[in-house]
Amino acid sequence: MTNTAMTDLLQRVSAANTAKWGDAVHGQSAGLKQLWSLTWREAQTQTYADAFLVIAVCFVVATLMVPLMRKVVAAPASTAEAH
């Protein structure tokens, strides 16, 4: 692994969980689960940020299009003789 910060985090969490569980396999598994949870949370945050960015762009485009819209003229009222 080339990401030293991630490797250090995984080693620290795995060591803490190994000490807690008393088993290296459970410690490593718990460390990987915590790392997966962290990356999943960050991915969801980025996804929501991207969705809100798209919504904001749509709002800006709609706002800029308002001056280009025509007013709708109401049809003239029909008279009673038209029936």
PDB file of N, CA and C in Angstrom:
ATOM      1  N   MET A   1       0.846  -1.175   0.000  1.00  0.00           N
ATOM      2  CA  MET A   1       0.000   0.000   0.000  1.00  0.00           C
ATOM      3  C   MET A   1       0.892   1.239   0.000  1.00  0.00           C
ATOM      4  N   THR A   2       0.513   2.195  -0.784  1.00  0.00           N
ATOM      5  CA  THR A   2       1.333   3.393  -0.898  1.00  0.00           C
ATOM      6  C   THR A   2       0.829   4.549  -0.038  1.00  0.00           C
ATOM      7  N   ASN A   3      -0.392   4.481   0.447  1.00  0.00           N
ATOM      8  CA  ASN A   3      -0.948   5.539   1.283  1.00  0.00           C
ATOM      9  C   ASN A   3      -0.529   5.281   2.733  1.00  0.00           C
ATOM     10  N   THR A   4       0.469   6.037   3.185  1.00  0.00           N
ATOM     11  CA  THR A   4       1.019   5.792   4.520  1.00  0.00           C
ATOM     12  C   THR A   4       0.033   6.155   5.634  1.00  0.00           C
ATOM     13  N   ALA A   5      -0.753   7.210   5.424  1.00  0.00           N
ATOM     14  CA  ALA A   5      -1.723   7.604   6.457  1.00  0.00           C
ATOM     15  C   ALA A   5      -2.769   6.512   6.650  1.00  0.00           C
ATOM     16  N   MET A   6      -3.238   5.938   5.546  1.00  0.00           N
ATOM     17  CA  MET A   6      -4.235   4.874   5.633  1.00  0.00           C
ATOM     18  C   MET A   6      -3.621   3.625   6.258  1.00  0.00           C
ATOM     19  N   THR A   7      -2.390   3.299   5.882  1.00  0.00           N
ATOM     20  CA  THR A   7      -1.718   2.128   6.445  1.00  0.00           C
ATOM     21  C   THR A   7      -1.500   2.296   7.941  1.00  0.00           C
ATOM     22  N   ASP A   8      -1.072   3.481   8.355  1.00  0.00           N
ATOM     23  CA  ASP A   8      -0.877   3.742   9.785  1.00  0.00           C
ATOM     24  C   ASP A   8      -2.194   3.635  10.552  1.00  0.00           C
ATOM     25  N   LEU A   9      -3.266   4.197   9.989  1.00  0.00           N
ATOM     26  CA  LEU A   9      -4.569   4.115  10.639  1.00  0.00           C
ATOM     27  C   LEU A   9      -5.002   2.658  10.777  1.00  0.00           C
ATOM     28  N   LEU A  10      -4.858   1.888   9.722  1.00  0.00           N
ATOM     29  CA  LEU A  10      -5.260   0.487   9.748  1.00  0.00           C
ATOM     30  C   LEU A  10      -4.442  -0.298  10.773  1.00  0.00           C
ATOM     31  N   GLN A  11      -3.140  -0.033  10.860  1.00  0.00           N
ATOM     32  CA  GLN A  11      -2.297  -0.733  11.827  1.00  0.00           C
ATOM     33  C   GLN A  11      -2.675  -0.364  13.263  1.00  0.00           C
ATOM     34  N   ARG A  12      -2.921   0.928  13.512  1.00  0.00           N
ATOM     35  CA  ARG A  12      -3.298   1.350  14.868  1.00  0.00           C
ATOM     36  C   ARG A  12      -4.635   0.759  15.292  1.00  0.00           C
ATOM     37  N   VAL A  13      -5.618   0.816  14.382  1.00  0.00           N
ATOM     38  CA  VAL A  13      -6.944   0.293  14.704  1.00  0.00           C
ATOM     39  C   VAL A  13      -6.884  -1.223  14.873  1.00  0.00           C
ATOM     40  N   SER A  14      -6.138  -1.895  14.010  1.00  0.00           N
ATOM     41  CA  SER A  14      -6.003  -3.348  14.116  1.00  0.00           C
ATOM     42  C   SER A  14      -5.315  -3.738  15.420  1.00  0.00           C
ATOM     43  N   ALA A  15      -4.275  -3.000  15.803  1.00  0.00           N
ATOM     44  CA  ALA A  15      -3.572  -3.294  17.050  1.00  0.00           C
ATOM     45  C   ALA A  15      -4.493  -3.091  18.253  1.00  0.00           C
ATOM     46  N   ALA A  16      -5.269  -2.017  18.231  1.00  0.00           N
ATOM     47  CA  ALA A  16      -6.196  -1.755  19.343  1.00  0.00           C
ATOM     48  C   ALA A  16      -7.268  -2.844  19.420  1.00  0.00           C
ATOM     49  N   ASN A  17      -7.782  -3.251  18.264  1.00  0.00           N
ATOM     50  CA  ASN A  17      -8.813  -4.297  18.265  1.00  0.00           C
ATOM     51  C   ASN A  17      -8.230  -5.662  18.596  1.00  0.00           C
ATOM     52  N   THR A  18      -6.978  -5.904  18.221  1.00  0.00           N
ATOM     53  CA  THR A  18      -6.325  -7.162  18.589  1.00  0.00           C
ATOM     54  C   THR A  18      -6.162  -7.235  20.098  1.00  0.00           C
ATOM     55  N   ALA A  19      -5.778  -6.115  20.703  1.00  0.00           N
ATOM     56  CA  ALA A  19      -5.642  -6.085  22.156  1.00  0.00           C
ATOM     57  C   ALA A  19      -7.006  -6.260  22.829  1.00  0.00           C
ATOM     58  N   LYS A  20      -8.033  -5.702  22.235  1.00  0.00           N
ATOM     59  CA  LYS A  20      -9.378  -5.799  22.800  1.00  0.00           C
ATOM     60  C   LYS A  20      -9.924  -7.216  22.684  1.00  0.00           C
ATOM     61  N   TRP A  21      -9.789  -7.843  21.507  1.00  0.00           N
ATOM     62  CA  TRP A  21     -10.348  -9.158  21.259  1.00  0.00           C
ATOM     63  C   TRP A  21      -9.399 -10.281  21.663  1.00  0.00           C
ATOM     64  N   GLY A  22      -8.108  -9.980  21.686  1.00  0.00           N
ATOM     65  CA  GLY A  22      -7.131 -11.004  22.025  1.00  0.00           C
ATOM     66  C   GLY A  22      -6.814 -11.935  20.864  1.00  0.00           C
ATOM     67  N   ASP A  23      -7.265 -11.573  19.670  1.00  0.00           N
ATOM     68  CA  ASP A  23      -7.063 -12.408  18.483  1.00  0.00           C
ATOM     69  C   ASP A  23      -6.687 -11.504  17.314  1.00  0.00           C
ATOM     70  N   ALA A  24      -5.593 -11.829  16.647  1.00  0.00           N
ATOM     71  CA  ALA A  24      -5.110 -10.997  15.541  1.00  0.00           C
ATOM     72  C   ALA A  24      -6.069 -11.008  14.361  1.00  0.00           C
ATOM     73  N   VAL A  25      -6.723 -12.125  14.116  1.00  0.00           N
ATOM     74  CA  VAL A  25      -7.648 -12.209  12.984  1.00  0.00           C
ATOM     75  C   VAL A  25      -8.853 -11.304  13.216  1.00  0.00           C
ATOM     76  N   HIS A  26      -9.424 -11.355  14.422  1.00  0.00           N
ATOM     77  CA  HIS A  26     -10.550 -10.477  14.733  1.00  0.00           C
ATOM     78  C   HIS A  26     -10.123  -9.010  14.733  1.00  0.00           C
ATOM     79  N   GLY A  27      -8.924  -8.743  15.212  1.00  0.00           N
ATOM     80  CA  GLY A  27      -8.418  -7.378  15.226  1.00  0.00           C
ATOM     81  C   GLY A  27      -8.253  -6.818  13.825  1.00  0.00           C
ATOM     82  N   GLN A  28      -7.689  -7.612  12.929  1.00  0.00           N
ATOM     83  CA  GLN A  28      -7.505  -7.178  11.543  1.00  0.00           C
ATOM     84  C   GLN A  28      -8.861  -7.004  10.857  1.00  0.00           C
ATOM     85  N   SER A  29      -9.764  -7.937  11.106  1.00  0.00           N
ATOM     86  CA  SER A  29     -11.100  -7.863  10.512  1.00  0.00           C
ATOM     87  C   SER A  29     -11.846  -6.613  10.997  1.00  0.00           C
ATOM     88  N   ALA A  30     -11.773  -6.345  12.278  1.00  0.00           N
ATOM     89  CA  ALA A  30     -12.444  -5.162  12.825  1.00  0.00           C
ATOM     90  C   ALA A  30     -11.814  -3.883  12.281  1.00  0.00           C
ATOM     91  N   GLY A  31     -10.501  -3.881  12.116  1.00  0.00           N
ATOM     92  CA  GLY A  31      -9.821  -2.718  11.539  1.00  0.00           C
ATOM     93  C   GLY A  31     -10.252  -2.467  10.105  1.00  0.00           C
ATOM     94  N   LEU A  32     -10.339  -3.525   9.318  1.00  0.00           N
ATOM     95  CA  LEU A  32     -10.791  -3.386   7.934  1.00  0.00           C
ATOM     96  C   LEU A  32     -12.250  -2.937   7.865  1.00  0.00           C
ATOM     97  N   LYS A  33     -13.070  -3.424   8.794  1.00  0.00           N
ATOM     98  CA  LYS A  33     -14.472  -3.014   8.819  1.00  0.00           C
ATOM     99  C   LYS A  33     -14.587  -1.524   9.146  1.00  0.00           C
ATOM    100  N   GLN A  34     -13.772  -1.043  10.090  1.00  0.00           N
ATOM    101  CA  GLN A  34     -13.796   0.383  10.416  1.00  0.00           C
ATOM    102  C   GLN A  34     -13.305   1.221   9.239  1.00  0.00           C
ATOM    103  N   LEU A  35     -12.277   0.745   8.549  1.00  0.00           N
ATOM    104  CA  LEU A  35     -11.769   1.467   7.378  1.00  0.00           C
ATOM    105  C   LEU A  35     -12.833   1.500   6.284  1.00  0.00           C
ATOM    106  N   TRP A  36     -13.533   0.386   6.061  1.00  0.00           N
ATOM    107  CA  TRP A  36     -14.591   0.349   5.067  1.00  0.00           C
ATOM    108  C   TRP A  36     -15.706   1.319   5.443  1.00  0.00           C
ATOM    109  N   SER A  37     -16.069   1.351   6.726  1.00  0.00           N
ATOM    110  CA  SER A  37     -17.118   2.251   7.197  1.00  0.00           C
ATOM    111  C   SER A  37     -16.733   3.712   6.973  1.00  0.00           C
ATOM    112  N   LEU A  38     -15.483   4.026   7.233  1.00  0.00           N
ATOM    113  CA  LEU A  38     -14.996   5.390   7.027  1.00  0.00           C
ATOM    114  C   LEU A  38     -15.059   5.768   5.552  1.00  0.00           C
ATOM    115  N   THR A  39     -14.610   4.892   4.669  1.00  0.00           N
ATOM    116  CA  THR A  39     -14.631   5.211   3.238  1.00  0.00           C
ATOM    117  C   THR A  39     -16.059   5.280   2.709  1.00  0.00           C
ATOM    118  N   TRP A  40     -16.961   4.432   3.213  1.00  0.00           N
ATOM    119  CA  TRP A  40     -18.357   4.471   2.799  1.00  0.00           C
ATOM    120  C   TRP A  40     -19.004   5.792   3.189  1.00  0.00           C
ATOM    121  N   ARG A  41     -18.716   6.255   4.419  1.00  0.00           N
ATOM    122  CA  ARG A  41     -19.275   7.530   4.887  1.00  0.00           C
ATOM    123  C   ARG A  41     -18.779   8.690   4.033  1.00  0.00           C
ATOM    124  N   GLU A  42     -17.486   8.689   3.707  1.00  0.00           N
ATOM    125  CA  GLU A  42     -16.926   9.751   2.879  1.00  0.00           C
ATOM    126  C   GLU A  42     -17.512   9.712   1.462  1.00  0.00           C
ATOM    127  N   ALA A  43     -17.719   8.515   0.927  1.00  0.00           N
ATOM    128  CA  ALA A  43     -18.301   8.390  -0.413  1.00  0.00           C
ATOM    129  C   ALA A  43     -19.735   8.917  -0.435  1.00  0.00           C
ATOM    130  N   GLN A  44     -20.495   8.625   0.614  1.00  0.00           N
ATOM    131  CA  GLN A  44     -21.862   9.140   0.685  1.00  0.00           C
ATOM    132  C   GLN A  44     -21.869  10.664   0.787  1.00  0.00           C
ATOM    133  N   THR A  45     -20.954  11.214   1.566  1.00  0.00           N
ATOM    134  CA  THR A  45     -20.869  12.664   1.703  1.00  0.00           C
ATOM    135  C   THR A  45     -20.565  13.314   0.364  1.00  0.00           C
ATOM    136  N   GLN A  46     -19.636  12.748  -0.386  1.00  0.00           N
ATOM    137  CA  GLN A  46     -19.308  13.297  -1.702  1.00  0.00           C
ATOM    138  C   GLN A  46     -20.476  13.154  -2.676  1.00  0.00           C
ATOM    139  N   THR A  47     -21.217  12.056  -2.572  1.00  0.00           N
ATOM    140  CA  THR A  47     -22.366  11.857  -3.443  1.00  0.00           C
ATOM    141  C   THR A  47     -23.434  12.901  -3.164  1.00  0.00           C
ATOM    142  N   TYR A  48     -23.735  13.156  -1.898  1.00  0.00           N
ATOM    143  CA  TYR A  48     -24.719  14.177  -1.555  1.00  0.00           C
ATOM    144  C   TYR A  48     -24.243  15.554  -2.000  1.00  0.00           C
ATOM    145  N   ALA A  49     -22.975  15.834  -1.843  1.00  0.00           N
ATOM    146  CA  ALA A  49     -22.439  17.124  -2.281  1.00  0.00           C
ATOM    147  C   ALA A  49     -22.601  17.285  -3.789  1.00  0.00           C
ATOM    148  N   ASP A  50     -22.331  16.238  -4.546  1.00  0.00           N
ATOM    149  CA  ASP A  50     -22.495  16.296  -5.998  1.00  0.00           C
ATOM    150  C   ASP A  50     -23.959  16.495  -6.379  1.00  0.00           C
ATOM    151  N   ALA A  51     -24.858  15.810  -5.680  1.00  0.00           N
ATOM    152  CA  ALA A  51     -26.291  15.957  -5.974  1.00  0.00           C
ATOM    153  C   ALA A  51     -26.756  17.381  -5.686  1.00  0.00           C
ATOM    154  N   PHE A  52     -26.339  17.949  -4.576  1.00  0.00           N
ATOM    155  CA  PHE A  52     -26.728  19.317  -4.260  1.00  0.00           C
ATOM    156  C   PHE A  52     -26.105  20.313  -5.235  1.00  0.00           C
ATOM    157  N   LEU A  53     -24.920  20.026  -5.739  1.00  0.00           N
ATOM    158  CA  LEU A  53     -24.309  20.883  -6.749  1.00  0.00           C
ATOM    159  C   LEU A  53     -25.142  20.879  -8.025  1.00  0.00           C
ATOM    160  N   VAL A  54     -25.606  19.706  -8.440  1.00  0.00           N
ATOM    161  CA  VAL A  54     -26.442  19.614  -9.643  1.00  0.00           C
ATOM    162  C   VAL A  54     -27.757  20.367  -9.428  1.00  0.00           C
ATOM    163  N   ILE A  55     -28.355  20.229  -8.255  1.00  0.00           N
ATOM    164  CA  ILE A  55     -29.594  20.947  -7.956  1.00  0.00           C
ATOM    165  C   ILE A  55     -29.359  22.454  -7.987  1.00  0.00           C
ATOM    166  N   ALA A  56     -28.247  22.910  -7.440  1.00  0.00           N
ATOM    167  CA  ALA A  56     -27.930  24.337  -7.441  1.00  0.00           C
ATOM    168  C   ALA A  56     -27.727  24.857  -8.859  1.00  0.00           C
ATOM    169  N   VAL A  57     -27.067  24.081  -9.702  1.00  0.00           N
ATOM    170  CA  VAL A  57     -26.853  24.496 -11.090  1.00  0.00           C
ATOM    171  C   VAL A  57     -28.194  24.599 -11.813  1.00  0.00           C
ATOM    172  N   CYS A  58     -29.076  23.621 -11.594  1.00  0.00           N
ATOM    173  CA  CYS A  58     -30.407  23.673 -12.209  1.00  0.00           C
ATOM    174  C   CYS A  58     -31.185  24.905 -11.740  1.00  0.00           C
ATOM    175  N   PHE A  59     -31.076  25.233 -10.468  1.00  0.00           N
ATOM    176  CA  PHE A  59     -31.752  26.414  -9.934  1.00  0.00           C
ATOM    177  C   PHE A  59     -31.214  27.687 -10.579  1.00  0.00           C
ATOM    178  N   VAL A  60     -29.907  27.790 -10.719  1.00  0.00           N
ATOM    179  CA  VAL A  60     -29.309  28.982 -11.335  1.00  0.00           C
ATOM    180  C   VAL A  60     -29.736  29.099 -12.792  1.00  0.00           C
ATOM    181  N   VAL A  61     -29.724  27.997 -13.518  1.00  0.00           N
ATOM    182  CA  VAL A  61     -30.135  28.024 -14.925  1.00  0.00           C
ATOM    183  C   VAL A  61     -31.603  28.435 -15.039  1.00  0.00           C
ATOM    184  N   ALA A  62     -32.454  27.882 -14.184  1.00  0.00           N
ATOM    185  CA  ALA A  62     -33.871  28.246 -14.212  1.00  0.00           C
ATOM    186  C   ALA A  62     -34.061  29.720 -13.878  1.00  0.00           C
ATOM    187  N   THR A  63     -33.304  30.224 -12.932  1.00  0.00           N
ATOM    188  CA  THR A  63     -33.404  31.635 -12.561  1.00  0.00           C
ATOM    189  C   THR A  63     -32.966  32.531 -13.710  1.00  0.00           C
ATOM    190  N   LEU A  64     -31.919  32.151 -14.402  1.00  0.00           N
ATOM    191  CA  LEU A  64     -31.441  32.959 -15.524  1.00  0.00           C
ATOM    192  C   LEU A  64     -32.395  32.907 -16.726  1.00  0.00           C
ATOM    193  N   MET A  65     -33.206  31.871 -16.809  1.00  0.00           N
ATOM    194  CA  MET A  65     -34.145  31.749 -17.921  1.00  0.00           C
ATOM    195  C   MET A  65     -35.440  32.528 -17.704  1.00  0.00           C
ATOM    196  N   VAL A  66     -35.701  32.994 -16.506  1.00  0.00           N
ATOM    197  CA  VAL A  66     -36.951  33.703 -16.211  1.00  0.00           C
ATOM    198  C   VAL A  66     -37.139  34.935 -17.098  1.00  0.00           C
ATOM    199  N   PRO A  67     -36.126  35.778 -17.311  1.00  0.00           N
ATOM    200  CA  PRO A  67     -36.353  36.944 -18.185  1.00  0.00           C
ATOM    201  C   PRO A  67     -36.655  36.565 -19.643  1.00  0.00           C
ATOM    202  N   LEU A  68     -36.322  35.375 -20.053  1.00  0.00           N
ATOM    203  CA  LEU A  68     -36.568  34.964 -21.430  1.00  0.00           C
ATOM    204  C   LEU A  68     -37.978  34.434 -21.666  1.00  0.00           C
ATOM    205  N   MET A  69     -38.735  34.252 -20.609  1.00  0.00           N
ATOM    206  CA  MET A  69     -40.076  33.688 -20.736  1.00  0.00           C
ATOM    207  C   MET A  69     -41.075  34.752 -21.180  1.00  0.00           C
ATOM    208  N   ARG A  70     -42.060  34.336 -21.989  1.00  0.00           N
ATOM    209  CA  ARG A  70     -43.110  35.246 -22.440  1.00  0.00           C
ATOM    210  C   ARG A  70     -44.262  35.226 -21.447  1.00  0.00           C
ATOM    211  N   LYS A  71     -44.947  36.355 -21.379  1.00  0.00           N
ATOM    212  CA  LYS A  71     -46.159  36.384 -20.568  1.00  0.00           C
ATOM    213  C   LYS A  71     -47.280  35.751 -21.370  1.00  0.00           C
ATOM    214  N   VAL A  72     -48.118  34.999 -20.708  1.00  0.00           N
ATOM    215  CA  VAL A  72     -49.256  34.364 -21.356  1.00  0.00           C
ATOM    216  C   VAL A  72     -50.415  35.344 -21.323  1.00  0.00           C
ATOM    217  N   VAL A  73     -50.978  35.619 -22.499  1.00  0.00           N
ATOM    218  CA  VAL A  73     -52.107  36.539 -22.598  1.00  0.00           C
ATOM    219  C   VAL A  73     -53.382  35.729 -22.484  1.00  0.00           C
ATOM    220  N   ALA A  74     -54.258  36.179 -21.625  1.00  0.00           N
ATOM    221  CA  ALA A  74     -55.524  35.479 -21.430  1.00  0.00           C
ATOM    222  C   ALA A  74     -56.392  35.648 -22.666  1.00  0.00           C
ATOM    223  N   ALA A  75     -57.135  34.619 -22.994  1.00  0.00           N
ATOM    224  CA  ALA A  75     -58.045  34.685 -24.136  1.00  0.00           C
ATOM    225  C   ALA A  75     -59.163  35.671 -23.829  1.00  0.00           C
ATOM    226  N   PRO A  76     -59.629  36.368 -24.853  1.00  0.00           N
ATOM    227  CA  PRO A  76     -60.727  37.328 -24.591  1.00  0.00           C
ATOM    228  C   PRO A  76     -61.976  36.590 -24.109  1.00  0.00           C
ATOM    229  N   ALA A  77     -62.681  37.244 -23.231  1.00  0.00           N
ATOM    230  CA  ALA A  77     -63.904  36.643 -22.666  1.00  0.00           C
ATOM    231  C   ALA A  77     -64.952  36.487 -23.752  1.00  0.00           C
ATOM    232  N   SER A  78     -65.587  35.351 -23.782  1.00  0.00           N
ATOM    233  CA  SER A  78     -66.632  35.135 -24.790  1.00  0.00           C
ATOM    234  C   SER A  78     -67.915  35.856 -24.374  1.00  0.00           C
ATOM    235  N   THR A  79     -68.668  36.254 -25.361  1.00  0.00           N
ATOM    236  CA  THR A  79     -69.916  36.974 -25.067  1.00  0.00           C
ATOM    237  C   THR A  79     -71.054  35.979 -24.930  1.00  0.00           C
ATOM    238  N   ALA A  80     -72.147  36.445 -24.412  1.00  0.00           N
ATOM    239  CA  ALA A  80     -73.325  35.596 -24.208  1.00  0.00           C
ATOM    240  C   ALA A  80     -73.938  35.213 -25.557  1.00  0.00           C
ATOM    241  N   GLU A  81     -73.764  36.030 -26.599  1.00  0.00           N
ATOM    242  CA  GLU A  81     -74.339  35.741 -27.903  1.00  0.00           C
ATOM    243  C   GLU A  81     -73.608  34.631 -28.626  1.00  0.00           C
ATOM    244  N   ALA A  82     -72.450  34.272 -28.159  1.00  0.00           N
ATOM    245  CA  ALA A  82     -71.672  33.238 -28.836  1.00  0.00           C
ATOM    246  C   ALA A  82     -72.272  31.857 -28.662  1.00  0.00           C
ATOM    247  N   HIS A  83     -73.155  31.694 -27.738  1.00  0.00           N
ATOM    248  CA  HIS A  83     -73.749  30.369 -27.510  1.00  0.00           C
ATOM    249  C   HIS A  83     -74.844  30.120 -28.426  1.00  0.00           C
TER     250      HIS A  83
END
